[in-house]
Protein backbone atom coordinates (compact mmCIF):
# COMPACT_ATOMS: atom_id res chain seq x y z
CA MET A 1 104.30 165.19 31.53
CA SER A 2 107.79 164.65 32.87
CA LYS A 3 109.96 161.72 33.84
CA GLU A 4 112.81 161.39 36.28
CA ILE A 5 116.15 160.03 35.11
CA SER A 6 117.15 157.00 37.19
CA ASP A 7 120.58 156.57 38.77
CA LYS A 8 121.40 153.77 36.32
CA MET A 9 120.51 155.88 33.30
CA ALA A 10 122.37 158.89 34.72
CA ASN A 11 125.48 156.74 35.10
CA ARG A 12 125.17 155.51 31.51
CA LEU A 13 124.77 159.10 30.26
CA TRP A 14 127.90 160.21 32.15
CA THR A 15 129.82 157.19 30.87
CA ALA A 16 128.73 157.71 27.25
CA ARG A 17 129.66 161.38 27.38
CA HIS A 18 133.05 160.96 29.04
CA LYS A 19 134.07 157.78 27.20
CA ASN A 20 133.79 159.70 23.94
CA ASN A 21 135.14 162.99 25.39
CA LEU A 22 132.07 164.91 24.22
CA THR A 23 131.30 168.50 25.14
CA LEU A 24 127.76 169.59 25.98
CA GLY A 25 127.46 171.12 22.51
CA GLN A 26 128.46 167.85 20.85
CA VAL A 27 125.99 165.87 22.97
CA ALA A 28 123.30 168.45 22.12
CA ARG A 29 123.90 168.03 18.38
CA LYS A 30 124.00 164.25 18.67
CA THR A 31 120.80 163.95 20.74
CA GLY A 32 118.71 166.90 19.58
CA VAL A 33 118.37 168.08 23.19
CA SER A 34 119.18 171.72 23.92
CA ARG A 35 122.50 172.59 25.51
CA THR A 36 120.63 174.36 28.33
CA GLN A 37 118.69 171.20 29.22
CA LEU A 38 121.90 169.19 29.15
CA HIS A 39 123.61 171.73 31.42
CA ARG A 40 120.75 171.38 33.90
CA PHE A 41 121.34 167.64 34.01
CA PHE A 42 125.16 167.43 33.84
CA GLY A 43 125.94 170.70 35.65
CA GLU A 44 123.16 171.12 38.18
CA GLY A 45 122.11 167.52 38.68
CA ARG A 46 118.45 168.06 37.81
CA ARG A 47 116.76 164.80 36.93
CA ASN A 48 113.22 165.75 35.79
CA VAL A 49 112.86 166.10 32.03
CA SER A 50 110.03 166.00 29.50
CA ASP A 51 109.00 162.72 27.89
CA THR A 52 110.56 163.61 24.53
CA THR A 53 113.84 164.71 26.14
CA TYR A 54 113.87 161.51 28.21
CA GLN A 55 113.46 159.40 25.05
CA LYS A 56 116.33 161.22 23.30
CA LEU A 57 118.64 160.86 26.30
CA TRP A 58 117.66 157.21 26.73
CA ARG A 59 118.53 156.54 23.09
CA PHE A 60 121.92 158.25 23.58
CA ALA A 61 122.65 156.36 26.81
CA TYR A 62 121.72 152.90 25.59
CA TYR A 63 122.20 152.83 21.80
CA ASP A 64 124.66 155.48 20.60
CA GLU A 65 128.33 154.65 20.59
């Protein structure tokens, strides 16, 4: 099953990444999501991800500093 990342969550992900000046590799290590999946989101703007990936990104967007 997959979920779509909302505009609000996408904005929080962008903010969290750029506020901390993190590269895709650093975000991948911090979240446990593959660099390829992150590139699809940040680079290509794809919003559909698996449930487990969604949970990891949600945790990064809303809880990690």
